[in-house]
């Protein structure tokens, strides 16, 4: 009976956290918005809470990077390898040491609606030219797995930065994704993994559903 109740509670919780939808995602077009962009490369996930590239051992950050790369390939028909490959590209053109600072400047611009300075644009442009991209896609996250249990939860953001006409094309931002501590602590290890994966995946998918919805609106309006 206890096992049944425990399983029921976990399934009930997963159902609750499965309701993330595109309706709760914020989407903001920038002055440089260009729906004709096609060659886009996905950068490595940047953790805004640490102000550095996300921990690739964290399952939620790894998941975000994987989904983001697949979605960029789908939305932009882009086959340019991204993720960790962009870090190698940054190293090859001599800007790897400048990348975290440039990313910090970008996140500040995203949060405070500022413009990105010339030095930051220069860093991004060198990477884009190296990989043959017109724009860079930035998956930004406010924390990893542990942050899902924190009071503020985790916010997933996705930013497209145009290189040919330097500036932010658009910013998408999810609602905070959060785990219920009570149910999480009652779960076994497999159930915890399922809860973490479901929570992160639903929030990330909602983010990209909104992006595709908005981009499709733009195409239909043309």
Protein backbone atom coordinates (compact mmCIF):
# COMPACT_ATOMS: atom_id res chain seq x y z
CA UNK A 1 0.00 0.00 0.00
CA UNK A 2 2.83 2.40 0.90
CA UNK A 3 4.57 1.63 -2.38
CA UNK A 4 1.36 2.31 -4.28
CA UNK A 5 0.82 5.63 -2.54
CA UNK A 6 4.43 6.63 -3.10
CA UNK A 7 4.25 5.76 -6.81
CA UNK A 8 0.96 7.58 -7.14
CA UNK A 9 2.39 10.72 -5.55
CA UNK A 10 5.41 10.69 -7.87
CA UNK A 11 3.26 10.18 -10.97
CA UNK A 12 0.90 12.89 -9.79
CA UNK A 13 3.83 15.26 -9.34
CA UNK A 14 5.23 14.46 -12.78
CA UNK A 15 1.80 15.17 -14.28
CA UNK A 16 1.74 18.52 -12.49
CA UNK A 17 5.13 19.54 -13.80
CA UNK A 18 4.27 18.32 -17.30
CA UNK A 19 1.94 21.23 -17.90
CA UNK A 20 4.60 23.72 -19.03
CA UNK A 21 3.31 25.37 -22.18
CA UNK A 22 4.38 27.89 -24.79
CA UNK A 23 1.71 30.24 -23.45
CA UNK A 24 3.89 31.01 -20.43
CA UNK A 25 7.02 31.74 -22.45
CA UNK A 26 8.06 35.32 -23.14
CA UNK A 27 9.25 36.16 -26.65
CA UNK A 28 10.76 39.51 -27.56
CA UNK A 29 11.93 40.55 -31.01
CA UNK A 30 14.98 42.80 -31.20
CA UNK A 31 15.79 45.55 -33.68
CA UNK A 32 17.97 43.13 -35.64
CA UNK A 33 15.25 40.51 -36.06
CA UNK A 34 15.67 38.74 -39.39
CA UNK A 35 13.46 35.73 -40.24
CA UNK A 36 15.57 35.05 -43.36
CA UNK A 37 18.56 33.96 -41.29
CA UNK A 38 19.48 30.35 -42.06
CA UNK A 39 23.06 29.57 -41.03
CA UNK A 40 22.95 29.40 -37.23
CA UNK A 41 25.32 27.65 -34.85
CA UNK A 42 24.37 26.74 -31.28
CA UNK A 43 26.88 27.82 -28.65
CA UNK A 44 27.63 25.81 -25.50
CA UNK A 45 25.08 26.36 -22.70
CA UNK A 46 26.03 29.34 -20.53
CA UNK A 47 25.13 29.24 -16.83
CA UNK A 48 24.13 32.76 -15.80
CA UNK A 49 24.21 31.83 -12.11
CA UNK A 50 27.93 30.99 -12.38
CA UNK A 51 28.77 33.45 -15.16
CA UNK A 52 30.55 30.77 -17.15
CA UNK A 53 29.95 27.91 -19.57
CA UNK A 54 27.62 25.39 -17.92
CA UNK A 55 28.83 22.21 -16.25
CA UNK A 56 28.64 19.52 -18.93
CA UNK A 57 28.27 16.88 -16.21
CA UNK A 58 25.01 18.41 -15.02
CA UNK A 59 22.19 16.39 -16.58
CA UNK A 60 19.83 19.36 -17.05
CA UNK A 61 22.47 21.54 -18.68
CA UNK A 62 23.50 18.69 -20.95
CA UNK A 63 19.82 18.17 -21.82
CA UNK A 64 19.34 21.85 -22.66
CA UNK A 65 22.37 21.83 -24.94
CA UNK A 66 21.19 18.70 -26.74
CA UNK A 67 17.63 19.93 -27.28
CA UNK A 68 18.81 23.41 -28.32
CA UNK A 69 21.14 22.01 -30.98
CA UNK A 70 18.42 19.73 -32.36
CA UNK A 71 15.85 22.55 -32.41
CA UNK A 72 18.21 24.96 -34.18
CA UNK A 73 18.79 22.28 -36.79
CA UNK A 74 15.03 21.95 -37.22
CA UNK A 75 14.14 25.65 -37.20
CA UNK A 76 16.99 26.93 -39.37
CA UNK A 77 17.83 23.78 -41.34
CA UNK A 78 21.34 24.33 -40.01
CA UNK A 79 23.81 21.45 -40.01
CA UNK A 80 26.68 23.42 -38.48
CA UNK A 81 28.09 21.48 -35.48
CA UNK A 82 27.65 23.47 -32.28
CA UNK A 83 27.90 23.02 -28.53
CA UNK A 84 31.38 22.17 -27.35
CA UNK A 85 32.65 22.48 -30.93
CA UNK A 86 32.17 26.24 -30.64
CA UNK A 87 34.58 26.30 -27.71
CA UNK A 88 37.19 24.68 -29.95
CA UNK A 89 36.43 27.27 -32.62
CA UNK A 90 36.91 30.04 -30.05
CA UNK A 91 40.25 28.54 -29.11
CA UNK A 92 41.29 28.24 -32.76
CA UNK A 93 40.71 31.96 -33.40
CA UNK A 94 42.30 33.03 -30.12
CA UNK A 95 39.22 34.27 -28.23
CA UNK A 96 38.52 31.41 -25.83
CA UNK A 97 39.86 33.40 -22.86
CA UNK A 98 37.56 36.28 -23.80
CA UNK A 99 34.45 34.16 -24.31
CA UNK A 100 33.16 34.03 -20.71
CA UNK A 101 33.46 37.80 -20.40
CA UNK A 102 31.72 38.27 -23.74
CA UNK A 103 28.97 35.93 -22.62
CA UNK A 104 28.64 37.84 -19.37
CA UNK A 105 28.19 41.03 -21.39
CA UNK A 106 25.53 39.35 -23.50
CA UNK A 107 23.57 38.10 -20.49
CA UNK A 108 23.73 41.58 -18.96
CA UNK A 109 22.32 42.97 -22.20
CA UNK A 110 19.56 40.36 -22.15
CA UNK A 111 18.55 41.04 -18.55
CA UNK A 112 18.88 44.84 -18.66
CA UNK A 113 17.91 45.42 -22.30
CA UNK A 114 21.30 47.00 -23.05
CA UNK A 115 23.21 46.91 -26.30
CA UNK A 116 26.25 44.68 -26.69
CA UNK A 117 29.62 46.45 -26.89
CA UNK A 118 31.98 46.28 -29.87
CA UNK A 119 34.50 43.98 -28.17
CA UNK A 120 31.82 41.40 -27.42
CA UNK A 121 30.53 41.54 -30.98
CA UNK A 122 34.09 41.08 -32.24
CA UNK A 123 34.52 37.92 -30.16
CA UNK A 124 31.24 36.48 -31.46
CA UNK A 125 32.05 37.46 -35.05
CA UNK A 126 35.38 35.64 -35.02
CA UNK A 127 33.68 32.44 -33.86
CA UNK A 128 30.86 32.79 -36.40
CA UNK A 129 33.25 33.36 -39.28
CA UNK A 130 35.30 30.33 -38.24
CA UNK A 131 32.27 28.01 -38.30
CA UNK A 132 30.55 29.67 -41.27
CA UNK A 133 27.49 31.01 -39.43
CA UNK A 134 25.34 34.08 -39.98
CA UNK A 135 24.13 34.12 -36.39
CA UNK A 136 24.91 32.51 -33.05
CA UNK A 137 22.31 30.80 -30.87
CA UNK A 138 22.85 31.13 -27.13
CA UNK A 139 21.17 28.72 -24.70
CA UNK A 140 21.25 30.53 -21.34
CA UNK A 141 20.26 28.97 -18.04
CA UNK A 142 19.94 30.32 -14.49
CA UNK A 143 21.31 27.17 -12.85
CA UNK A 144 21.55 23.40 -13.09
CA UNK A 145 19.85 20.44 -11.44
CA UNK A 146 20.25 21.74 -7.88
CA UNK A 147 18.61 25.03 -8.80
CA UNK A 148 15.42 23.16 -9.72
CA UNK A 149 14.94 22.65 -5.97
CA UNK A 150 15.74 26.25 -5.07
CA UNK A 151 13.08 28.86 -4.38
CA UNK A 152 13.49 30.65 -7.71
CA UNK A 153 13.70 27.52 -9.83
CA UNK A 154 15.47 27.55 -13.19
CA UNK A 155 14.78 29.90 -16.08
CA UNK A 156 15.75 28.82 -19.59
CA UNK A 157 16.53 31.53 -22.14
CA UNK A 158 17.40 31.34 -25.81
CA UNK A 159 18.98 34.22 -27.71
CA UNK A 160 19.81 34.63 -31.39
CA UNK A 161 22.61 37.10 -32.07
CA UNK A 162 23.08 38.31 -35.64
CA UNK A 163 26.64 38.73 -36.86
CA UNK A 164 26.07 40.29 -40.30
CA UNK A 165 23.94 43.06 -38.81
CA UNK A 166 25.27 42.92 -35.23
CA UNK A 167 22.66 42.73 -32.52
CA UNK A 168 20.07 40.56 -30.82
CA UNK A 169 17.41 39.16 -33.15
CA UNK A 170 15.18 37.82 -30.41
CA UNK A 171 15.06 36.58 -26.83
CA UNK A 172 12.83 33.79 -25.54
CA UNK A 173 12.45 33.12 -21.82
CA UNK A 174 10.68 30.28 -20.02
CA UNK A 175 8.73 30.43 -16.82
CA UNK A 176 10.76 29.17 -13.83
CA UNK A 177 11.00 25.38 -13.79
CA UNK A 178 10.89 23.98 -10.27
CA UNK A 179 10.69 20.66 -8.44
CA UNK A 180 8.52 20.10 -5.41
CA UNK A 181 10.95 19.36 -2.56
CA UNK A 182 8.46 17.25 -0.61
CA UNK A 183 7.74 14.85 -3.47
CA UNK A 184 11.37 14.83 -4.62
CA UNK A 185 12.64 13.77 -1.19
CA UNK A 186 10.08 10.95 -1.04
CA UNK A 187 11.19 9.56 -4.39
CA UNK A 188 13.78 6.86 -5.05
CA UNK A 189 16.78 7.54 -7.28
CA UNK A 190 15.12 6.45 -10.52
CA UNK A 191 12.05 8.52 -9.77
CA UNK A 192 14.19 11.53 -8.94
CA UNK A 193 15.94 11.24 -12.29
CA UNK A 194 12.57 11.02 -14.03
CA UNK A 195 11.28 14.08 -12.20
CA UNK A 196 14.39 16.12 -13.04
CA UNK A 197 14.34 15.07 -16.68
CA UNK A 198 10.60 15.68 -17.08
CA UNK A 199 10.70 19.10 -15.43
CA UNK A 200 13.64 20.34 -17.49
CA UNK A 201 12.47 18.80 -20.77
CA UNK A 202 8.95 20.22 -20.54
CA UNK A 203 10.21 23.72 -19.78
CA UNK A 204 12.78 23.61 -22.59
CA UNK A 205 10.28 22.21 -25.10
CA UNK A 206 7.79 24.94 -24.17
CA UNK A 207 10.52 27.50 -24.86
CA UNK A 208 11.08 26.20 -28.38
CA UNK A 209 7.39 25.70 -29.09
CA UNK A 210 6.95 29.43 -28.47
CA UNK A 211 9.91 30.32 -30.67
CA UNK A 212 8.55 28.24 -33.56
CA UNK A 213 5.09 29.69 -33.06
CA UNK A 214 6.40 33.25 -33.28
CA UNK A 215 8.67 32.56 -36.26
CA UNK A 216 5.79 30.87 -38.10
CA UNK A 217 3.62 33.94 -37.49
CA UNK A 218 6.32 36.05 -39.07
CA UNK A 219 6.53 33.80 -42.13
CA UNK A 220 2.75 33.77 -42.56
CA UNK A 221 2.66 37.56 -42.39
CA UNK A 222 5.04 37.88 -45.35
